[in-house]
Amino acid sequence: MSKLSRTDALKLTNLVKHLERFPESVWFKQPVDWKKLGLNDYPEIIKNPMDLSTVKKSLTKDQYADSSEVIYDINLIWENCRTYNSPGTEVVSAADFLQTKQKEYCEQNSIEMSLPLKRRRDPKPLELKKELSNLIKKVSHDTLAHIVTVVESECSTAAVQLEKDKLLIKLDEVENEVFEKLQEIIQQDTTKKEL
């Protein structure tokens, strides 16, 4: 998998910072706190949440293969907003405004606006996900807490708080590196139990 050049990564980080400077970005800087806002249907409607801080974090961690994946994720923010909210609302107007500013910035700074056909996530086979899901159910409480911490810090879109003590980990949303890290954590837990 090719990685972004330093120049492209800097250009795209500056694009995100440029968008964050507009007051309209207040809606899109952080993940939607749907629980606090009482939007209980949000996880059902928006399958791939995205926000500017997540894009910036992914750029910092060198998780994008090329510029088009970054543009895809930024556009996903606006698309999610339009999917969940009614046309003409303040938040949709803010998304429209910022997308216009994004296009202007990309044109002025020679950032390619073409999108990949589909964001490459290199998904793990269903059998592996099922296996990991079953193994997670059997780990110790400490290991489970470790798994939750890793998912929340490295792949926050994959962790959905259902109730006070219930957390859903969406394995479809877990990036490969994090998935493999979870497998290692579970392997260590299993090894400890065998000793």
C-alpha atoms as a PDB file:
ATOM      1  CA  MET A   1       0.000   0.000   0.000  1.00  0.00           C
ATOM      2  CA  SER A   2       1.541   3.292  -1.078  1.00  0.00           C
ATOM      3  CA  LYS A   3       1.626   6.059   1.483  1.00  0.00           C
ATOM      4  CA  LEU A   4       1.099   9.780   1.105  1.00  0.00           C
ATOM      5  CA  SER A   5       4.220  11.818   0.492  1.00  0.00           C
ATOM      6  CA  ARG A   6       5.139  14.280   3.260  1.00  0.00           C
ATOM      7  CA  THR A   7       4.244  17.151   0.927  1.00  0.00           C
ATOM      8  CA  ASP A   8       0.767  15.771   0.197  1.00  0.00           C
ATOM      9  CA  ALA A   9       0.161  14.914   3.870  1.00  0.00           C
ATOM     10  CA  LEU A  10       1.091  18.486   4.843  1.00  0.00           C
ATOM     11  CA  LYS A  11      -1.156  19.960   2.125  1.00  0.00           C
ATOM     12  CA  LEU A  12      -4.082  17.851   3.292  1.00  0.00           C
ATOM     13  CA  THR A  13      -3.473  18.578   6.979  1.00  0.00           C
ATOM     14  CA  ASN A  14      -3.482  22.273   6.075  1.00  0.00           C
ATOM     15  CA  LEU A  15      -6.780  21.738   4.218  1.00  0.00           C
ATOM     16  CA  VAL A  16      -8.351  20.314   7.398  1.00  0.00           C
ATOM     17  CA  LYS A  17      -6.929  23.192   9.477  1.00  0.00           C
ATOM     18  CA  HIS A  18      -8.271  25.663   6.885  1.00  0.00           C
ATOM     19  CA  LEU A  19     -11.776  24.175   7.212  1.00  0.00           C
ATOM     20  CA  GLU A  20     -11.550  24.226  11.020  1.00  0.00           C
ATOM     21  CA  ARG A  21     -10.960  28.013  10.972  1.00  0.00           C
ATOM     22  CA  PHE A  22     -14.510  28.694   9.747  1.00  0.00           C
ATOM     23  CA  PRO A  23     -17.123  29.102  12.503  1.00  0.00           C
ATOM     24  CA  GLU A  24     -19.376  26.682  10.543  1.00  0.00           C
ATOM     25  CA  SER A  25     -16.909  23.873  11.312  1.00  0.00           C
ATOM     26  CA  VAL A  26     -18.080  23.752  14.936  1.00  0.00           C
ATOM     27  CA  TRP A  27     -20.531  20.980  13.926  1.00  0.00           C
ATOM     28  CA  PHE A  28     -17.834  18.846  12.296  1.00  0.00           C
ATOM     29  CA  LYS A  29     -14.667  19.190  14.392  1.00  0.00           C
ATOM     30  CA  GLN A  30     -15.343  16.195  16.658  1.00  0.00           C
ATOM     31  CA  PRO A  31     -17.330  12.944  16.333  1.00  0.00           C
ATOM     32  CA  VAL A  32     -21.088  13.482  16.725  1.00  0.00           C
ATOM     33  CA  ASP A  33     -21.894  12.902  20.399  1.00  0.00           C
ATOM     34  CA  TRP A  34     -25.231  11.332  19.486  1.00  0.00           C
ATOM     35  CA  LYS A  35     -25.881  10.043  23.021  1.00  0.00           C
ATOM     36  CA  LYS A  36     -25.451  13.458  24.608  1.00  0.00           C
ATOM     37  CA  LEU A  37     -27.621  14.976  21.876  1.00  0.00           C
ATOM     38  CA  GLY A  38     -30.264  12.254  22.275  1.00  0.00           C
ATOM     39  CA  LEU A  39     -29.942  11.142  18.625  1.00  0.00           C
ATOM     40  CA  ASN A  40     -30.536   7.463  19.362  1.00  0.00           C
ATOM     41  CA  ASP A  41     -31.102   6.558  15.704  1.00  0.00           C
ATOM     42  CA  TYR A  42     -27.781   8.129  14.593  1.00  0.00           C
ATOM     43  CA  PRO A  43     -25.720   4.868  14.599  1.00  0.00           C
ATOM     44  CA  GLU A  44     -28.500   3.135  12.643  1.00  0.00           C
ATOM     45  CA  ILE A  45     -28.598   5.804   9.910  1.00  0.00           C
ATOM     46  CA  ILE A  46     -24.908   6.776   9.750  1.00  0.00           C
ATOM     47  CA  LYS A  47     -22.891   3.604   9.235  1.00  0.00           C
ATOM     48  CA  ASN A  48     -19.491   5.317   8.761  1.00  0.00           C
ATOM     49  CA  PRO A  49     -19.239   8.368  11.030  1.00  0.00           C
ATOM     50  CA  MET A  50     -16.504  10.845  10.166  1.00  0.00           C
ATOM     51  CA  ASP A  51     -15.281  14.196  11.475  1.00  0.00           C
ATOM     52  CA  LEU A  52     -12.341  16.566  10.962  1.00  0.00           C
ATOM     53  CA  SER A  53     -10.424  15.439  14.076  1.00  0.00           C
ATOM     54  CA  THR A  54     -10.570  11.804  12.884  1.00  0.00           C
ATOM     55  CA  VAL A  55      -9.240  12.794   9.434  1.00  0.00           C
ATOM     56  CA  LYS A  56      -6.440  14.778  11.089  1.00  0.00           C
ATOM     57  CA  LYS A  57      -5.587  11.858  13.410  1.00  0.00           C
ATOM     58  CA  SER A  58      -5.511   9.413  10.473  1.00  0.00           C
ATOM     59  CA  LEU A  59      -3.186  11.786   8.582  1.00  0.00           C
ATOM     60  CA  THR A  60      -0.873  12.012  11.608  1.00  0.00           C
ATOM     61  CA  LYS A  61      -0.808   8.214  11.916  1.00  0.00           C
ATOM     62  CA  ASP A  62      -0.087   7.830   8.172  1.00  0.00           C
ATOM     63  CA  GLN A  63      -3.204   5.708   7.616  1.00  0.00           C
ATOM     64  CA  TYR A  64      -4.089   6.986   4.141  1.00  0.00           C
ATOM     65  CA  ALA A  65      -2.775   5.396   0.958  1.00  0.00           C
ATOM     66  CA  ASP A  66      -3.289   8.500  -1.195  1.00  0.00           C
ATOM     67  CA  SER A  67      -4.903  11.952  -1.355  1.00  0.00           C
ATOM     68  CA  SER A  68      -8.160  10.614  -2.763  1.00  0.00           C
ATOM     69  CA  GLU A  69      -8.830   8.643   0.442  1.00  0.00           C
ATOM     70  CA  VAL A  70      -8.473  11.818   2.509  1.00  0.00           C
ATOM     71  CA  ILE A  71     -10.844  13.712   0.192  1.00  0.00           C
ATOM     72  CA  TYR A  72     -13.243  10.753   0.402  1.00  0.00           C
ATOM     73  CA  ASP A  73     -13.317  10.965   4.213  1.00  0.00           C
ATOM     74  CA  ILE A  74     -13.755  14.756   4.222  1.00  0.00           C
ATOM     75  CA  ASN A  75     -16.647  14.442   1.745  1.00  0.00           C
ATOM     76  CA  LEU A  76     -18.102  11.685   3.931  1.00  0.00           C
ATOM     77  CA  ILE A  77     -18.507  14.296   6.713  1.00  0.00           C
ATOM     78  CA  TRP A  78     -20.722  16.437   4.444  1.00  0.00           C
ATOM     79  CA  GLU A  79     -22.618  13.420   3.056  1.00  0.00           C
ATOM     80  CA  ASN A  80     -23.338  12.070   6.559  1.00  0.00           C
ATOM     81  CA  CYS A  81     -24.633  15.490   7.554  1.00  0.00           C
ATOM     82  CA  ARG A  82     -27.009  15.614   4.558  1.00  0.00           C
ATOM     83  CA  THR A  83     -28.112  12.017   5.149  1.00  0.00           C
ATOM     84  CA  TYR A  84     -29.076  12.591   8.767  1.00  0.00           C
ATOM     85  CA  ASN A  85     -30.353  16.189   8.680  1.00  0.00           C
ATOM     86  CA  SER A  86     -33.127  17.834   6.662  1.00  0.00           C
ATOM     87  CA  PRO A  87     -32.264  20.123   3.707  1.00  0.00           C
ATOM     88  CA  GLY A  88     -32.203  23.791   4.601  1.00  0.00           C
ATOM     89  CA  THR A  89     -31.261  23.242   8.251  1.00  0.00           C
ATOM     90  CA  GLU A  90     -28.411  25.284   9.719  1.00  0.00           C
ATOM     91  CA  VAL A  91     -26.090  22.271   9.945  1.00  0.00           C
ATOM     92  CA  VAL A  92     -26.687  21.277   6.280  1.00  0.00           C
ATOM     93  CA  SER A  93     -26.046  24.865   5.179  1.00  0.00           C
ATOM     94  CA  ALA A  94     -22.787  24.739   7.151  1.00  0.00           C
ATOM     95  CA  ALA A  95     -21.799  21.485   5.378  1.00  0.00           C
ATOM     96  CA  ASP A  96     -22.596  23.014   1.954  1.00  0.00           C
ATOM     97  CA  PHE A  97     -20.553  26.121   2.794  1.00  0.00           C
ATOM     98  CA  LEU A  98     -17.537  24.113   3.991  1.00  0.00           C
ATOM     99  CA  GLN A  99     -17.629  21.807   0.967  1.00  0.00           C
ATOM    100  CA  THR A 100     -17.462  24.905  -1.252  1.00  0.00           C
ATOM    101  CA  LYS A 101     -14.478  26.166   0.769  1.00  0.00           C
ATOM    102  CA  GLN A 102     -12.875  22.730   0.470  1.00  0.00           C
ATOM    103  CA  LYS A 103     -13.189  22.803  -3.342  1.00  0.00           C
ATOM    104  CA  GLU A 104     -11.764  26.335  -3.523  1.00  0.00           C
ATOM    105  CA  TYR A 105      -8.799  25.377  -1.317  1.00  0.00           C
ATOM    106  CA  CYS A 106      -8.104  22.218  -3.344  1.00  0.00           C
ATOM    107  CA  GLU A 107      -8.149  24.173  -6.621  1.00  0.00           C
ATOM    108  CA  GLN A 108      -5.820  26.868  -5.233  1.00  0.00           C
ATOM    109  CA  ASN A 109      -3.382  24.317  -3.792  1.00  0.00           C
ATOM    110  CA  SER A 110      -3.411  21.715  -6.596  1.00  0.00           C
ATOM    111  CA  ILE A 111      -5.065  19.004  -4.507  1.00  0.00           C
ATOM    112  CA  GLU A 112      -6.711  16.372  -6.684  1.00  0.00           C
ATOM    113  CA  MET A 113     -10.449  16.154  -5.976  1.00  0.00           C
ATOM    114  CA  SER A 114     -11.086  12.782  -7.623  1.00  0.00           C
ATOM    115  CA  LEU A 115     -12.347  10.083  -5.292  1.00  0.00           C
ATOM    116  CA  PRO A 116     -11.521   6.393  -5.043  1.00  0.00           C
ATOM    117  CA  LEU A 117     -14.372   4.154  -6.163  1.00  0.00           C
ATOM    118  CA  LYS A 118     -14.531   2.878  -2.604  1.00  0.00           C
ATOM    119  CA  ARG A 119     -12.423   3.642   0.421  1.00  0.00           C
ATOM    120  CA  ARG A 120      -9.909   0.819   0.744  1.00  0.00           C
ATOM    121  CA  ARG A 121     -10.178  -0.729   4.195  1.00  0.00           C
ATOM    122  CA  ASP A 122      -8.799  -4.141   3.249  1.00  0.00           C
ATOM    123  CA  PRO A 123     -11.599  -5.793   5.241  1.00  0.00           C
ATOM    124  CA  LYS A 124     -10.950  -8.951   7.193  1.00  0.00           C
ATOM    125  CA  PRO A 125     -12.916 -12.053   6.134  1.00  0.00           C
ATOM    126  CA  LEU A 126     -16.197 -12.681   7.937  1.00  0.00           C
ATOM    127  CA  GLU A 127     -14.846 -15.876   9.560  1.00  0.00           C
ATOM    128  CA  LEU A 128     -11.995 -13.920  11.200  1.00  0.00           C
ATOM    129  CA  LYS A 129     -14.429 -11.307  12.527  1.00  0.00           C
ATOM    130  CA  LYS A 130     -16.716 -14.004  13.944  1.00  0.00           C
ATOM    131  CA  GLU A 131     -13.746 -15.767  15.523  1.00  0.00           C
ATOM    132  CA  LEU A 132     -12.476 -12.542  17.114  1.00  0.00           C
ATOM    133  CA  SER A 133     -15.974 -11.669  18.316  1.00  0.00           C
ATOM    134  CA  ASN A 134     -16.311 -15.086  20.020  1.00  0.00           C
ATOM    135  CA  LEU A 135     -12.857 -14.828  21.576  1.00  0.00           C
ATOM    136  CA  ILE A 136     -13.585 -11.337  22.966  1.00  0.00           C
ATOM    137  CA  LYS A 137     -16.564 -12.812  24.854  1.00  0.00           C
ATOM    138  CA  LYS A 138     -14.227 -15.241  26.664  1.00  0.00           C
ATOM    139  CA  VAL A 139     -11.425 -12.904  27.782  1.00  0.00           C
ATOM    140  CA  SER A 140     -10.826 -11.705  31.339  1.00  0.00           C
ATOM    141  CA  HIS A 141     -12.308  -8.417  32.564  1.00  0.00           C
ATOM    142  CA  ASP A 142      -8.852  -6.720  32.505  1.00  0.00           C
ATOM    143  CA  THR A 143      -8.206  -7.840  28.932  1.00  0.00           C
ATOM    144  CA  LEU A 144     -11.649  -6.636  27.880  1.00  0.00           C
ATOM    145  CA  ALA A 145     -10.890  -3.222  29.409  1.00  0.00           C
ATOM    146  CA  HIS A 146      -7.587  -3.174  27.467  1.00  0.00           C
ATOM    147  CA  ILE A 147      -9.398  -4.021  24.208  1.00  0.00           C
ATOM    148  CA  VAL A 148     -11.929  -1.217  24.759  1.00  0.00           C
ATOM    149  CA  THR A 149      -9.115   1.288  25.469  1.00  0.00           C
ATOM    150  CA  VAL A 150      -7.269   0.303  22.265  1.00  0.00           C
ATOM    151  CA  VAL A 151     -10.407   0.550  20.105  1.00  0.00           C
ATOM    152  CA  GLU A 152     -11.502   3.886  21.606  1.00  0.00           C
ATOM    153  CA  SER A 153      -8.067   5.479  21.227  1.00  0.00           C
ATOM    154  CA  GLU A 154      -7.060   4.095  17.828  1.00  0.00           C
ATOM    155  CA  CYS A 155     -10.330   3.540  15.995  1.00  0.00           C
ATOM    156  CA  SER A 156     -12.990   5.579  17.812  1.00  0.00           C
ATOM    157  CA  THR A 157     -15.627   5.184  15.085  1.00  0.00           C
ATOM    158  CA  ALA A 158     -15.697   1.438  15.839  1.00  0.00           C
ATOM    159  CA  ALA A 159     -16.771   1.925  19.473  1.00  0.00           C
ATOM    160  CA  VAL A 160     -20.443   2.678  20.110  1.00  0.00           C
ATOM    161  CA  GLN A 161     -21.641   3.177  23.705  1.00  0.00           C
ATOM    162  CA  LEU A 162     -25.039   1.475  23.963  1.00  0.00           C
ATOM    163  CA  GLU A 163     -25.764   1.870  27.674  1.00  0.00           C
ATOM    164  CA  LYS A 164     -23.752   2.900  30.721  1.00  0.00           C
ATOM    165  CA  ASP A 165     -21.970  -0.451  30.946  1.00  0.00           C
ATOM    166  CA  LYS A 166     -22.428  -1.698  27.379  1.00  0.00           C
ATOM    167  CA  LEU A 167     -20.147  -0.944  24.460  1.00  0.00           C
ATOM    168  CA  LEU A 168     -20.542  -2.232  20.904  1.00  0.00           C
ATOM    169  CA  ILE A 169     -17.333  -2.779  18.936  1.00  0.00           C
ATOM    170  CA  LYS A 170     -18.088  -2.681  15.210  1.00  0.00           C
ATOM    171  CA  LEU A 171     -15.428  -4.993  13.769  1.00  0.00           C
ATOM    172  CA  ASP A 172     -16.253  -3.772  10.234  1.00  0.00           C
ATOM    173  CA  GLU A 173     -14.930  -0.353  11.274  1.00  0.00           C
ATOM    174  CA  VAL A 174     -11.699  -1.627  12.843  1.00  0.00           C
ATOM    175  CA  GLU A 175      -8.621  -0.907  10.721  1.00  0.00           C
ATOM    176  CA  ASN A 176      -6.308  -3.830   9.943  1.00  0.00           C
ATOM    177  CA  GLU A 177      -3.513  -2.740  12.296  1.00  0.00           C
ATOM    178  CA  VAL A 178      -5.947  -2.394  15.212  1.00  0.00           C
ATOM    179  CA  PHE A 179      -7.627  -5.716  14.347  1.00  0.00           C
ATOM    180  CA  GLU A 180      -4.237  -7.443  14.487  1.00  0.00           C
ATOM    181  CA  LYS A 181      -3.419  -5.701  17.777  1.00  0.00           C
ATOM    182  CA  LEU A 182      -6.681  -7.027  19.250  1.00  0.00           C
ATOM    183  CA  GLN A 183      -5.792 -10.535  18.088  1.00  0.00           C
ATOM    184  CA  GLU A 184      -2.419 -10.221  19.886  1.00  0.00           C
ATOM    185  CA  ILE A 185      -4.060  -8.979  23.118  1.00  0.00           C
ATOM    186  CA  ILE A 186      -6.483 -11.937  23.073  1.00  0.00           C
ATOM    187  CA  GLN A 187      -3.630 -14.356  22.300  1.00  0.00           C
ATOM    188  CA  GLN A 188      -1.698 -13.060  25.354  1.00  0.00           C
ATOM    189  CA  ASP A 189      -4.809 -13.475  27.523  1.00  0.00           C
ATOM    190  CA  THR A 190      -5.290 -17.055  26.296  1.00  0.00           C
ATOM    191  CA  THR A 191      -1.601 -17.854  26.903  1.00  0.00           C
ATOM    192  CA  LYS A 192      -1.842 -16.529  30.511  1.00  0.00           C
ATOM    193  CA  LYS A 193      -4.855 -18.766  31.195  1.00  0.00           C
ATOM    194  CA  GLU A 194      -2.974 -21.818  29.876  1.00  0.00           C
ATOM    195  CA  LEU A 195       0.030 -21.206  32.163  1.00  0.00           C
END
